[in-house]
Every structure is written in structure tokens, then in C-alpha cells.
Protein backbone atom coordinates (compact mmCIF):
# COMPACT_ATOMS: atom_id res chain seq x y z
CA UNK A 1 -127.74 109.19 256.65
CA UNK A 2 -124.36 107.93 258.36
CA UNK A 3 -125.07 107.77 262.40
CA UNK A 4 -121.37 108.74 262.74
CA UNK A 5 -122.21 112.07 261.22
CA UNK A 6 -122.70 113.20 265.08
CA UNK A 7 -119.92 112.18 267.27
CA UNK A 8 -119.91 112.47 271.05
CA UNK A 9 -117.50 115.60 270.56
CA UNK A 10 -120.40 117.07 268.76
CA UNK A 11 -122.88 116.58 271.56
CA UNK A 12 -120.49 118.12 274.06
CA UNK A 13 -119.85 120.98 271.62
CA UNK A 14 -123.92 121.48 271.33
CA UNK A 15 -124.38 121.10 275.08
CA UNK A 16 -121.83 123.64 275.69
CA UNK A 17 -123.39 126.09 273.06
CA UNK A 18 -126.81 125.55 274.45
CA UNK A 19 -125.24 126.65 277.99
CA UNK A 20 -123.30 129.65 276.96
CA UNK A 21 -125.68 131.11 274.16
CA UNK A 22 -128.75 130.24 275.95
CA UNK A 23 -128.41 129.10 279.81
CA UNK A 24 -129.90 125.79 278.74
CA UNK A 25 -128.18 123.12 280.83
CA UNK A 26 -128.16 119.82 279.62
CA UNK A 27 -124.78 118.70 280.67
CA UNK A 28 -126.26 116.65 283.56
CA UNK A 29 -128.35 114.50 281.10
CA UNK A 30 -127.77 110.86 279.85
CA UNK A 31 -125.42 111.31 277.02
CA UNK A 32 -126.67 108.35 275.01
CA UNK A 33 -130.29 109.66 275.10
CA UNK A 34 -129.26 112.98 274.17
CA UNK A 35 -127.29 111.63 271.01
CA UNK A 36 -129.78 109.74 270.08
CA UNK A 37 -132.09 112.31 269.57
CA UNK A 38 -129.40 115.07 268.05
CA UNK A 39 -128.84 112.08 265.36
CA UNK A 40 -132.55 111.73 264.85
CA UNK A 41 -133.08 115.62 264.28
CA UNK A 42 -130.15 115.71 262.33
CA UNK A 43 -131.38 112.89 259.93
CA UNK A 44 -134.74 114.41 259.93
CA UNK A 45 -133.74 118.01 258.86
CA UNK A 46 -131.28 116.80 256.47
CA UNK A 47 -128.46 118.74 257.80
CA UNK A 48 -125.63 119.27 255.35
CA UNK A 49 -122.68 119.38 257.78
CA UNK A 50 -122.26 119.59 261.72
CA UNK A 51 -120.98 122.98 261.04
CA UNK A 52 -124.20 124.17 259.15
CA UNK A 53 -126.47 122.28 262.03
CA UNK A 54 -124.68 124.13 264.71
CA UNK A 55 -124.92 127.51 263.31
CA UNK A 56 -128.47 127.30 262.66
CA UNK A 57 -129.04 126.11 266.09
CA UNK A 58 -127.12 129.30 267.49
CA UNK A 59 -128.52 131.81 265.12
CA UNK A 60 -131.83 130.78 264.26
CA UNK A 61 -134.28 131.41 267.46
CA UNK A 62 -137.02 129.31 266.00
CA UNK A 63 -134.79 126.46 265.31
CA UNK A 64 -133.41 126.65 268.52
CA UNK A 65 -136.78 125.76 270.11
CA UNK A 66 -136.98 123.19 267.81
CA UNK A 67 -133.91 121.79 268.76
CA UNK A 68 -134.98 122.08 272.63
CA UNK A 69 -138.30 120.63 271.97
CA UNK A 70 -136.62 117.53 269.91
CA UNK A 71 -134.27 116.71 272.35
CA UNK A 72 -136.31 116.94 275.49
CA UNK A 73 -138.90 113.90 276.15
CA UNK A 74 -142.63 115.04 275.69
CA UNK A 75 -144.11 111.56 275.91
CA UNK A 76 -147.37 111.47 278.19
CA UNK A 77 -151.19 110.79 278.46
CA UNK A 78 -154.08 111.40 280.65
CA UNK A 79 -153.83 109.10 283.74
CA UNK A 80 -151.01 107.15 282.58
CA UNK A 81 -150.38 104.29 284.90
CA UNK A 82 -153.99 104.34 286.40
CA UNK A 83 -153.17 102.63 289.38
CA UNK A 84 -151.00 105.53 290.42
CA UNK A 85 -153.84 108.04 290.10
CA UNK A 86 -156.17 105.51 292.09
CA UNK A 87 -153.69 105.94 294.83
CA UNK A 88 -153.68 109.68 294.68
CA UNK A 89 -157.32 109.57 294.48
CA UNK A 90 -158.28 107.04 297.52
CA UNK A 91 -154.88 107.75 299.61
CA UNK A 92 -153.03 110.92 298.97
CA UNK A 93 -155.32 113.85 297.99
CA UNK A 94 -158.17 112.90 300.82
CA UNK A 95 -155.32 113.30 303.31
CA UNK A 96 -154.42 116.72 301.91
CA UNK A 97 -158.06 117.52 301.72
CA UNK A 98 -157.99 118.38 305.57
CA UNK A 99 -155.35 121.23 304.59
CA UNK A 100 -156.75 124.45 304.55
CA UNK A 101 -155.39 125.00 300.80
CA UNK A 102 -153.56 122.55 298.82
CA UNK A 103 -150.41 123.25 296.50
CA UNK A 104 -148.95 120.97 294.07
CA UNK A 105 -146.10 121.07 291.78
CA UNK A 106 -145.82 119.14 288.55
CA UNK A 107 -142.43 119.25 287.37
CA UNK A 108 -141.70 118.28 284.07
CA UNK A 109 -145.42 118.54 283.02
CA UNK A 110 -144.95 118.38 279.10
CA UNK A 111 -147.84 118.97 276.86
CA UNK A 112 -150.14 118.99 280.08
CA UNK A 113 -152.09 115.68 280.12
CA UNK A 114 -151.16 114.71 283.78
CA UNK A 115 -152.02 118.42 285.06
CA UNK A 116 -155.46 117.94 283.96
CA UNK A 117 -155.90 114.07 285.05
CA UNK A 118 -154.94 115.61 288.44
CA UNK A 119 -157.53 118.75 288.19
CA UNK A 120 -160.48 116.32 287.31
CA UNK A 121 -159.45 114.05 290.18
CA UNK A 122 -159.54 117.47 292.54
CA UNK A 123 -162.88 118.18 290.88
CA UNK A 124 -164.31 114.75 291.68
CA UNK A 125 -163.27 115.09 295.37
CA UNK A 126 -164.67 118.43 295.65
CA UNK A 127 -160.92 119.93 296.15
CA UNK A 128 -160.28 122.02 293.21
CA UNK A 129 -161.88 125.32 294.52
CA UNK A 130 -159.08 125.10 297.38
CA UNK A 131 -156.25 123.86 295.30
CA UNK A 132 -153.29 125.09 292.70
CA UNK A 133 -151.63 123.15 290.58
CA UNK A 134 -148.05 124.58 289.31
CA UNK A 135 -147.24 122.97 285.78
CA UNK A 136 -143.52 123.42 285.01
CA UNK A 137 -141.55 122.49 282.20
CA UNK A 138 -137.82 123.64 280.82
CA UNK A 139 -139.70 123.94 277.11
CA UNK A 140 -141.76 126.75 276.58
CA UNK A 141 -143.27 125.20 273.13
CA UNK A 142 -144.70 122.45 275.15
CA UNK A 143 -146.18 124.65 277.77
CA UNK A 144 -148.22 126.55 275.08
CA UNK A 145 -149.71 123.74 274.00
CA UNK A 146 -150.45 122.70 277.76
CA UNK A 147 -152.29 126.12 278.29
CA UNK A 148 -154.88 125.33 275.19
CA UNK A 149 -156.08 122.46 276.94
CA UNK A 150 -156.61 120.49 273.65
CA UNK A 151 -155.55 117.22 272.96
CA UNK A 152 -156.37 114.63 269.87
CA UNK A 153 -159.59 112.97 269.67
CA UNK A 154 -157.85 109.78 268.72
CA UNK A 155 -156.52 109.62 272.21
CA UNK A 156 -159.94 109.92 273.85
CA UNK A 157 -160.71 106.37 273.96
CA UNK A 158 -157.26 105.49 275.60
CA UNK A 159 -157.62 108.17 278.24
CA UNK A 160 -161.19 107.28 279.18
CA UNK A 161 -160.23 103.79 279.63
CA UNK A 162 -157.32 105.01 281.84
CA UNK A 163 -159.57 107.06 283.54
CA UNK A 164 -161.97 104.40 284.28
CA UNK A 165 -159.14 102.36 285.82
CA UNK A 166 -158.22 105.02 287.90
CA UNK A 167 -161.44 105.21 289.60
CA UNK A 168 -162.97 107.62 287.49
CA UNK A 169 -166.79 108.50 288.81
CA UNK A 170 -168.10 110.37 285.72
CA UNK A 171 -168.70 109.94 282.20
CA UNK A 172 -164.95 111.03 280.86
CA UNK A 173 -166.55 112.87 277.86
CA UNK A 174 -168.12 115.30 280.20
CA UNK A 175 -165.14 116.80 280.57
CA UNK A 176 -164.10 118.10 276.96
CA UNK A 177 -166.10 119.34 274.03
CA UNK A 178 -165.13 117.80 270.78
CA UNK A 179 -163.94 120.47 268.12
CA UNK A 180 -163.09 118.56 265.08
CA UNK A 181 -160.42 116.73 265.57
CA UNK A 182 -159.30 117.78 268.84
CA UNK A 183 -161.02 117.55 272.55
CA UNK A 184 -161.18 120.77 274.21
CA UNK A 185 -160.99 120.47 277.94
CA UNK A 186 -163.34 122.53 280.23
CA UNK A 187 -161.84 126.06 281.45
CA UNK A 188 -162.82 125.02 284.99
CA UNK A 189 -160.10 122.40 285.03
CA UNK A 190 -157.48 124.96 284.00
CA UNK A 191 -158.50 127.53 286.33
CA UNK A 192 -156.50 126.03 288.98
CA UNK A 193 -153.51 125.14 286.69
CA UNK A 194 -150.51 127.77 286.35
CA UNK A 195 -148.27 126.57 283.96
CA UNK A 196 -144.68 128.11 283.51
CA UNK A 197 -141.19 127.45 282.69
CA UNK A 198 -138.69 126.16 285.29
CA UNK A 199 -135.68 124.43 284.61
CA UNK A 200 -135.20 121.66 287.17
CA UNK A 201 -131.15 122.15 286.63
CA UNK A 202 -130.44 125.63 287.28
CA UNK A 203 -133.64 127.27 288.79
CA UNK A 204 -134.32 127.14 292.46
CA UNK A 205 -137.54 126.23 294.82
CA UNK A 206 -140.43 128.94 294.34
CA UNK A 207 -142.89 127.65 296.81
CA UNK A 208 -143.99 125.16 299.65
CA UNK A 209 -145.82 122.31 298.39
CA UNK A 210 -148.02 119.30 299.93
CA UNK A 211 -147.37 117.20 296.79
CA UNK A 212 -144.72 117.01 294.12
CA UNK A 213 -144.85 114.82 291.02
CA UNK A 214 -141.96 114.59 288.69
CA UNK A 215 -142.78 111.49 286.79
CA UNK A 216 -140.17 109.89 284.05
CA UNK A 217 -137.76 112.94 284.14
CA UNK A 218 -135.12 111.80 286.38
CA UNK A 219 -134.28 108.73 284.31
CA UNK A 220 -132.92 111.10 281.57
CA UNK A 221 -130.38 112.55 284.24
CA UNK A 222 -126.99 111.25 285.78
CA UNK A 223 -126.72 110.27 289.25
CA UNK A 224 -125.27 113.78 290.54
CA UNK A 225 -128.06 115.71 288.80
CA UNK A 226 -130.57 113.09 290.07
CA UNK A 227 -129.35 113.84 293.53
CA UNK A 228 -129.54 117.66 292.86
CA UNK A 229 -133.07 117.58 291.87
CA UNK A 230 -134.20 115.58 294.82
CA UNK A 231 -132.62 117.92 297.28
CA UNK A 232 -134.49 120.70 295.12
CA UNK A 233 -137.88 118.88 295.77
CA UNK A 234 -136.97 117.88 299.48
CA UNK A 235 -136.69 121.84 299.99
CA UNK A 236 -139.74 122.66 298.54
CA UNK A 237 -142.05 119.78 300.04
CA UNK A 238 -143.54 120.60 303.45
CA UNK A 239 -143.18 118.15 306.18
CA UNK A 240 -145.55 115.00 306.01
CA UNK A 241 -146.01 116.21 302.22
CA UNK A 242 -145.89 113.43 299.27
CA UNK A 243 -143.32 113.28 296.66
CA UNK A 244 -144.32 111.15 293.25
CA UNK A 245 -141.90 109.75 290.87
CA UNK A 246 -142.29 107.46 287.75
CA UNK A 247 -141.99 103.79 287.70
CA UNK A 248 -138.34 103.35 287.07
CA UNK A 249 -137.55 106.26 289.45
CA UNK A 250 -136.53 106.00 293.46
CA UNK A 251 -134.85 108.10 296.02
CA UNK A 252 -133.33 104.76 297.47
CA UNK A 253 -129.57 105.44 297.58
CA UNK A 254 -130.08 109.14 297.40
CA UNK A 255 -129.15 111.64 300.35
CA UNK A 256 -132.96 112.30 301.30
CA UNK A 257 -134.13 108.87 301.75
CA UNK A 258 -133.80 108.52 305.44
CA UNK A 259 -136.61 111.43 305.53
CA UNK A 260 -139.14 109.85 303.67
CA UNK A 261 -141.35 106.48 303.89
CA UNK A 262 -142.46 104.74 300.95
CA UNK A 263 -146.72 104.39 300.75
CA UNK A 264 -147.23 101.30 299.04
CA UNK A 265 -146.38 99.55 295.94
CA UNK A 266 -146.67 102.95 293.68
CA UNK A 267 -143.62 105.00 293.47
CA UNK A 268 -144.85 107.68 296.22
CA UNK A 269 -143.11 108.57 299.67
CA UNK A 270 -144.32 110.85 302.49
CA UNK A 271 -141.76 113.10 304.19
CA UNK A 272 -141.52 112.17 307.70
CA UNK A 273 -139.30 114.10 309.15
């Protein structure tokens, strides 16, 4: 399949279609990253022509969902970057534990592994009963998967190792039951998680939070959209609340940086004004 079969103009046409037809605004996303994923899907599904590919996206609702799922990034794992989760466990959440209620927003939650990781830590700190995790994503397909709380058994060894490195206190297998090739996580963990769609590009703030996590999402946005999303987080975060980003992301050089103080070597900032 010729890579040139999808060119830059085609990408712009598809982004315009998505915005007009479905209200999904990808115009602030990195073009190089989007183009790679569109070419991959075009090749994978053996599209005959760009015109046919475009028609299918605009007129076949199931294929549109597949398209969105493929061009959004859904790579995640439980307790990814264990040092980050250790800081949450040892520093951030104990401070928030003094609050009467803890509201956490996990933006770009993908298939939910991070949401369950946070729920496990809250449980071990005896804070789950007074916490609520709002786990949001643009993509309704991945949210359906997240709400099931089931992940492949083949991942459990890695997740268990991450959990131990993050300061885990129990036998990791006590949090799930094996069901053939799947691990189903306990309903208690899910009881304090609300999975819902939220578009960081076009939707507004919907609550006040003490902790906002958005890890490895901003790297796919251009500078202008990054600033817009950081402003949204700033509006949604209480004073003295915490903002956590991915390893390659920062609030330095942004319009909100003066209001925040970085915690330590991890990408966590506290709102100081």
C-alpha cells in the first residue's frame, strides 16, 4: 500500500468532516501523529480509495467509531511509571486524606487501568469510602471496556510488578478474580469510579477537584490546544490541589505556571495561588 495514498490535504478533509458531522474537533492534534494512524487504518482495512474511505467514515456509524478508536491513543497499563504512583501514595493522597471528601479527575482515562490503580491505592490508604474518581475520555468505545473492569490475564504479571514497585501493600491477585483469559477487578474498586465521555477540546469544566491527572495526552496536542487544556485544568482545580502530567509533559512556559510549584522529580504540581 502506497503511503502517499493519504496526503496532508486528505487529513484536513477528514478532520473537517469529523468536526462538521460529529462535533469531534481534532484540529489541534499533532498532524504527524494523526496522519500515521490514519494511514495505518487505511492500509489495515484495505480501503479501495480515499473517497470510499471518507464516505464510510461519514455514513457508517460503526466504522466512524472504529476510526475514532484507531486515531486516538489508548496505550496504558496499571501502575505505569511506579515511581509516580509511589509519590501519589506517600505524598499526595495522604495530604488529601485530611479533606472531608476527595474528588479526582482522570482525564483521558482510556481503557481504565489508571483509574483502577488509583482506586487500589485509595483503598489501601482507607480513603476510598470518601473519594470519587471521575474517569473521562473522548472515546465511548474505550469507556465501555473500562467500565467492565476486565483486563487480560497475560498482563497481570507486569501489573503486579508495577504495583509492588509503587509501594503496594497486599497480594495484587486479591484485587481480581481470574475468569479464563481475563482478570475481573473487584466491584468495590469500581464503585467509586464514574466513567463518562468528556472532550478536552470542546467541553467545559464540570466540577472542582483536589487532584487532576492527565498523563500522556497533551503530547499529542499542538501548543495552542495544550494551553487551552491547561487553562481548563486550572479552572477545575481547587487551591492547593494537585495536577499530574505525563513524563514528557510540563506546565513550564504555559500561562498557568506561575500559580504552581512542582513537587519533586515526578511530573506533579501543586496549585499555590
